[in-house]
Amino acid sequence: MMEARARLLSGIPAILAVVALFALDQKYGGGLIAGLAIILLAWGAQAEFYGMAAKSGIQARAFPGFVAGIAWLWWTLGGDGPHPLHFLAGFLILLLVWEIWMGSTAEAPARLGLTLLGWVVVPFLLAYLLLIRDIPEGWAWLIFLVAVCKTGDSVAWWVGNTFGRRRMAPEVSPKKTWEGAAGSLVGSLVAGGVVASTAFAEPLPATVWVGAALLANLGGQLGDLSESLLKRGFRSKDSASLIPGLGGMFDMVDSFLLAGPLLYAFLTWADRVG
């Protein structure tokens, strides 16, 4: 009961703040307000990732990881960044030169791997939210993404705790159940239908918003499980205790890590076939 109260008291204002931010961005920001907010969230989540790695005994090269993360997001926001493979190659070269310069061979492979993983999992994947913002009515699609993922997450938590019996991935996330996953899907479809009929200039056809909601929900659930996988690998319960009931910034954005790329791919495909 106390956990449910904490989730409601923290989650509802957080979601409303995000929706208000995107609405403000749509009216005045031209993408800059949402972009800066996503960069800030990514920086915080990446810092928590490197913090969990340090607590588990492996110190990543956080500074070059942060620089690469902010640079990648800023270039994506501006729309004139390098090709992802060129950026990755440059980042890897920088890290190897950094390690050679520091002269520390102990755990160098693990350090390099975690530094790269912290960039790939957080800023690289969250950059897809900036790509979504750039498509027609992108601000509304961002609201759609937040509503679908966070409603699905909340419904999954309630259904799983109330009716859950069959564990989905007990080694990764012991509390996740198939009943909760089904509830998440239903909650996401309801939220997607509401946003599709209210946030866009014209109501979206069901063939578009249902497909978008299904893929975003799938990505949201897999993103949540992926973060649980990493946290258990780091032997951490939460990435941080920034927000009561919700955890840290990494816990806040985990749903979007895979949902963003999947939604962007679907919208790109739908635009081509439409």
Protein backbone atom coordinates (compact mmCIF):
# COMPACT_ATOMS: atom_id res chain seq x y z
CA MET A 1 0.00 0.00 0.00
CA MET A 2 2.79 2.40 0.88
CA GLU A 3 4.60 1.58 -2.38
CA ALA A 4 1.42 2.19 -4.39
CA ARG A 5 0.91 5.54 -2.66
CA ALA A 6 4.52 6.56 -3.35
CA ARG A 7 4.17 5.58 -7.02
CA LEU A 8 0.99 7.62 -7.42
CA LEU A 9 2.29 10.67 -5.57
CA SER A 10 5.50 10.67 -7.61
CA GLY A 11 4.39 9.19 -10.92
CA ILE A 12 1.32 11.28 -11.75
CA PRO A 13 3.03 14.68 -11.26
CA ALA A 14 6.07 13.43 -13.21
CA ILE A 15 3.91 12.36 -16.18
CA LEU A 16 1.91 15.61 -16.11
CA ALA A 17 5.16 17.61 -16.00
CA VAL A 18 6.48 15.76 -19.06
CA VAL A 19 3.24 16.33 -21.00
CA ALA A 20 3.28 20.03 -20.06
CA LEU A 21 6.92 20.27 -21.13
CA PHE A 22 6.22 18.76 -24.55
CA ALA A 23 3.18 21.04 -25.00
CA LEU A 24 5.36 24.04 -24.12
CA ASP A 25 7.98 22.83 -26.56
CA GLN A 26 5.38 22.51 -29.30
CA LYS A 27 4.19 26.07 -28.80
CA TYR A 28 7.41 27.93 -28.07
CA GLY A 29 10.47 25.69 -28.22
CA GLY A 30 10.60 24.34 -31.74
CA GLY A 31 12.19 21.16 -30.42
CA LEU A 32 14.85 22.82 -28.26
CA ILE A 33 13.02 22.54 -24.93
CA ALA A 34 12.23 18.84 -25.39
CA GLY A 35 15.76 18.27 -26.69
CA LEU A 36 17.44 19.84 -23.69
CA ALA A 37 15.15 17.90 -21.32
CA ILE A 38 16.05 14.61 -23.04
CA ILE A 39 19.77 15.46 -22.89
CA LEU A 40 19.46 16.17 -19.16
CA LEU A 41 17.59 12.90 -18.53
CA ALA A 42 20.14 10.96 -20.56
CA TRP A 43 23.04 12.51 -18.69
CA GLY A 44 21.46 11.62 -15.33
CA ALA A 45 20.63 8.05 -16.41
CA GLN A 46 24.11 7.53 -17.82
CA ALA A 47 25.64 8.82 -14.57
CA GLU A 48 23.54 6.30 -12.61
CA PHE A 49 24.66 3.51 -14.97
CA TYR A 50 28.32 4.33 -14.38
CA GLY A 51 27.61 4.69 -10.65
CA MET A 52 26.15 1.18 -10.48
CA ALA A 53 29.16 -0.13 -12.38
CA ALA A 54 31.50 1.53 -9.87
CA LYS A 55 29.63 0.04 -6.91
CA SER A 56 29.95 -3.40 -8.50
CA GLY A 57 33.72 -2.96 -8.60
CA ILE A 58 34.39 -1.73 -12.16
CA GLN A 59 35.14 1.95 -12.71
CA ALA A 60 34.11 2.99 -16.23
CA ARG A 61 35.68 5.98 -17.98
CA ALA A 62 32.76 8.24 -17.15
CA PHE A 63 34.13 11.54 -18.48
CA PRO A 64 34.63 10.49 -22.12
CA GLY A 65 31.34 8.58 -21.86
CA PHE A 66 29.50 11.75 -20.83
CA VAL A 67 31.19 13.85 -23.51
CA ALA A 68 30.28 11.32 -26.20
CA GLY A 69 26.71 11.05 -24.91
CA ILE A 70 26.06 14.79 -24.86
CA ALA A 71 27.79 15.28 -28.22
CA TRP A 72 25.72 12.53 -29.85
CA LEU A 73 22.43 13.91 -28.51
CA TRP A 74 23.32 17.49 -29.41
CA TRP A 75 24.24 16.53 -32.98
CA THR A 76 21.04 14.50 -33.26
CA LEU A 77 19.06 17.50 -31.99
CA GLY A 78 20.68 19.72 -34.60
CA GLY A 79 20.11 17.17 -37.35
CA ASP A 80 23.64 17.46 -38.80
CA GLY A 81 25.60 14.88 -36.85
CA PRO A 82 27.97 12.21 -38.18
CA HIS A 83 26.88 8.76 -39.25
CA PRO A 84 26.41 6.48 -36.18
CA LEU A 85 29.17 4.11 -37.34
CA HIS A 86 31.63 6.99 -37.80
CA PHE A 87 30.74 8.37 -34.37
CA LEU A 88 31.12 4.95 -32.75
CA ALA A 89 34.49 4.44 -34.44
CA GLY A 90 35.70 7.85 -33.25
CA PHE A 91 34.48 7.19 -29.71
CA LEU A 92 36.19 3.79 -29.61
CA ILE A 93 39.46 5.26 -30.87
CA LEU A 94 39.23 7.96 -28.19
CA LEU A 95 38.68 5.36 -25.46
CA LEU A 96 41.57 3.18 -26.61
CA VAL A 97 43.94 6.15 -26.75
CA TRP A 98 42.67 7.23 -23.31
CA GLU A 99 43.42 3.78 -21.84
CA ILE A 100 46.87 3.70 -23.42
CA TRP A 101 47.62 7.18 -22.05
CA MET A 102 46.44 6.23 -18.54
CA GLY A 103 48.63 3.11 -18.67
CA SER A 104 46.34 0.93 -16.55
CA THR A 105 45.91 -2.57 -17.97
CA ALA A 106 44.02 -4.05 -15.00
CA GLU A 107 40.38 -4.67 -16.04
CA ALA A 108 40.88 -2.54 -19.17
CA PRO A 109 38.52 -4.71 -21.30
CA ALA A 110 35.74 -4.48 -18.69
CA ARG A 111 36.29 -0.73 -18.31
CA LEU A 112 36.14 -0.17 -22.07
CA GLY A 113 33.08 -2.38 -22.45
CA LEU A 114 31.11 -0.69 -19.68
CA THR A 115 32.02 2.79 -20.91
CA LEU A 116 30.76 1.90 -24.39
CA LEU A 117 27.67 0.14 -23.02
CA GLY A 118 26.77 3.18 -20.92
CA TRP A 119 26.79 5.29 -24.09
CA VAL A 120 24.92 2.78 -26.28
CA VAL A 121 22.19 1.90 -23.76
CA VAL A 122 21.37 5.47 -22.69
CA PRO A 123 22.21 8.44 -24.96
CA PHE A 124 22.42 6.48 -28.21
CA LEU A 125 19.00 4.87 -27.75
CA LEU A 126 17.36 7.96 -26.23
CA ALA A 127 18.42 9.93 -29.32
CA TYR A 128 15.50 8.25 -31.09
CA LEU A 129 13.18 10.45 -29.02
CA LEU A 130 14.79 13.45 -30.71
CA LEU A 131 14.25 11.82 -34.11
CA ILE A 132 10.59 11.27 -33.23
CA ARG A 133 10.31 14.96 -32.27
CA ASP A 134 11.46 15.92 -35.77
CA ILE A 135 8.72 14.06 -37.64
CA PRO A 136 5.36 15.77 -38.38
CA GLU A 137 3.46 16.30 -35.11
CA GLY A 138 6.44 14.83 -33.31
CA TRP A 139 5.59 16.50 -30.02
CA ALA A 140 2.24 14.65 -30.03
CA TRP A 141 4.03 11.38 -30.78
CA LEU A 142 6.29 11.98 -27.79
CA ILE A 143 3.22 12.46 -25.58
CA PHE A 144 1.82 9.27 -27.12
CA LEU A 145 5.03 7.41 -26.26
CA VAL A 146 5.08 8.65 -22.65
CA ALA A 147 1.39 7.88 -22.14
CA VAL A 148 1.60 4.39 -23.65
CA CYS A 149 4.77 3.36 -21.80
CA LYS A 150 4.01 4.81 -18.39
CA THR A 151 0.35 3.78 -18.36
CA GLY A 152 1.37 0.28 -19.38
CA ASP A 153 4.03 0.22 -16.65
CA SER A 154 1.56 1.35 -13.96
CA VAL A 155 -1.17 -1.09 -15.02
CA ALA A 156 1.37 -3.94 -15.18
CA TRP A 157 2.47 -3.16 -11.63
CA TRP A 158 -1.11 -3.14 -10.31
CA VAL A 159 -2.32 -6.21 -12.22
CA GLY A 160 0.86 -8.13 -11.44
CA ASN A 161 0.63 -7.42 -7.72
CA THR A 162 -3.11 -8.16 -7.60
CA PHE A 163 -3.57 -11.09 -9.96
CA GLY A 164 -0.08 -12.17 -11.02
CA ARG A 165 0.72 -15.87 -10.72
CA ARG A 166 2.97 -16.88 -13.64
CA ARG A 167 6.44 -15.38 -13.48
CA MET A 168 7.77 -13.99 -16.75
CA ALA A 169 11.53 -13.85 -16.14
CA PRO A 170 12.16 -14.76 -12.49
CA GLU A 171 15.95 -14.56 -12.73
CA VAL A 172 15.84 -11.09 -14.28
CA SER A 173 12.83 -9.53 -12.55
CA PRO A 174 11.12 -11.78 -9.98
CA LYS A 175 7.99 -9.63 -9.68
CA LYS A 176 7.20 -9.45 -13.41
CA THR A 177 4.30 -11.73 -14.40
CA TRP A 178 2.55 -12.64 -17.63
CA GLU A 179 -0.70 -11.34 -16.13
CA GLY A 180 0.98 -8.00 -15.53
CA ALA A 181 2.32 -7.99 -19.10
CA ALA A 182 -1.20 -8.57 -20.45
CA GLY A 183 -2.54 -5.77 -18.24
CA SER A 184 0.24 -3.51 -19.49
CA LEU A 185 -0.80 -4.15 -23.08
CA VAL A 186 -4.44 -3.30 -22.37
CA GLY A 187 -3.50 -0.15 -20.44
CA SER A 188 -1.23 0.99 -23.26
CA LEU A 189 -3.95 0.52 -25.86
CA VAL A 190 -6.40 2.58 -23.78
CA ALA A 191 -3.85 5.36 -23.27
CA GLY A 192 -2.83 5.25 -26.93
CA GLY A 193 -6.45 5.57 -28.04
CA VAL A 194 -7.02 8.60 -25.82
CA VAL A 195 -3.89 10.41 -27.04
CA ALA A 196 -4.52 9.44 -30.68
CA SER A 197 -7.95 11.08 -30.55
CA THR A 198 -6.99 14.23 -28.63
CA ALA A 199 -3.34 15.27 -29.08
CA PHE A 200 -3.09 15.30 -32.87
CA ALA A 201 -4.47 17.83 -35.36
CA GLU A 202 -6.76 15.09 -36.65
CA PRO A 203 -7.60 11.80 -34.89
CA LEU A 204 -5.24 9.03 -35.99
CA PRO A 205 -6.64 6.01 -37.86
CA ALA A 206 -6.76 2.86 -35.75
CA THR A 207 -4.44 1.06 -38.17
CA VAL A 208 -1.72 3.55 -37.20
CA TRP A 209 -2.18 4.15 -33.50
CA VAL A 210 -2.91 0.52 -32.56
CA GLY A 211 0.26 -0.68 -34.27
CA ALA A 212 2.25 2.16 -32.71
CA ALA A 213 0.86 1.40 -29.24
CA LEU A 214 1.56 -2.34 -29.52
CA LEU A 215 5.19 -1.82 -30.57
CA ALA A 216 5.78 0.94 -28.00
CA ASN A 217 4.34 -1.29 -25.27
CA LEU A 218 6.54 -4.20 -26.36
CA GLY A 219 9.57 -1.92 -26.34
CA GLY A 220 8.61 -0.47 -22.97
CA GLN A 221 8.30 -3.88 -21.32
CA LEU A 222 11.54 -5.13 -22.86
CA GLY A 223 13.30 -1.91 -21.85
CA ASP A 224 12.14 -2.38 -18.27
CA LEU A 225 13.39 -5.97 -18.28
CA SER A 226 16.68 -4.90 -19.86
CA GLU A 227 17.28 -2.39 -17.09
CA SER A 228 16.46 -5.08 -14.51
CA LEU A 229 19.00 -7.34 -16.21
CA LEU A 230 21.70 -4.67 -15.91
CA LYS A 231 20.81 -3.75 -12.33
CA ARG A 232 20.96 -7.39 -11.24
CA GLY A 233 24.26 -7.76 -13.03
CA PHE A 234 25.51 -4.78 -11.02
CA ARG A 235 23.87 -6.19 -7.84
CA SER A 236 21.77 -3.01 -7.44
CA LYS A 237 18.08 -2.84 -6.55
CA ASP A 238 17.52 0.66 -7.94
CA SER A 239 19.71 2.88 -10.09
CA ALA A 240 19.17 5.66 -7.52
CA SER A 241 16.60 6.90 -4.98
CA LEU A 242 15.95 10.26 -6.60
CA ILE A 243 12.14 9.93 -6.78
CA PRO A 244 10.19 8.01 -4.09
CA GLY A 245 8.48 4.97 -5.56
CA LEU A 246 10.10 5.41 -8.96
CA GLY A 247 13.85 5.27 -8.31
CA GLY A 248 16.34 7.28 -10.34
CA MET A 249 16.54 8.73 -13.82
CA PHE A 250 17.60 5.40 -15.30
CA ASP A 251 14.44 3.86 -13.82
CA MET A 252 12.40 6.72 -15.32
CA VAL A 253 13.70 6.35 -18.88
CA ASP A 254 14.09 2.55 -19.09
CA SER A 255 10.74 2.15 -20.88
CA PHE A 256 11.83 4.50 -23.67
CA LEU A 257 15.20 2.88 -24.39
CA LEU A 258 13.68 0.28 -26.73
CA ALA A 259 10.22 1.79 -27.21
CA GLY A 260 11.68 4.91 -28.86
CA PRO A 261 13.58 3.06 -31.62
CA LEU A 262 10.66 0.69 -32.25
CA LEU A 263 8.14 3.54 -32.48
CA TYR A 264 10.41 5.55 -34.77
CA ALA A 265 10.93 2.52 -37.05
CA PHE A 266 7.17 1.92 -37.18
CA LEU A 267 6.37 5.55 -37.98
CA THR A 268 9.04 5.61 -40.68
CA TRP A 269 7.60 2.43 -42.20
CA ALA A 270 4.01 3.71 -41.92
CA ASP A 271 5.00 6.95 -43.69
CA ARG A 272 6.57 5.00 -46.57
CA VAL A 273 3.64 2.62 -47.05
CA GLY A 274 1.02 5.33 -46.44
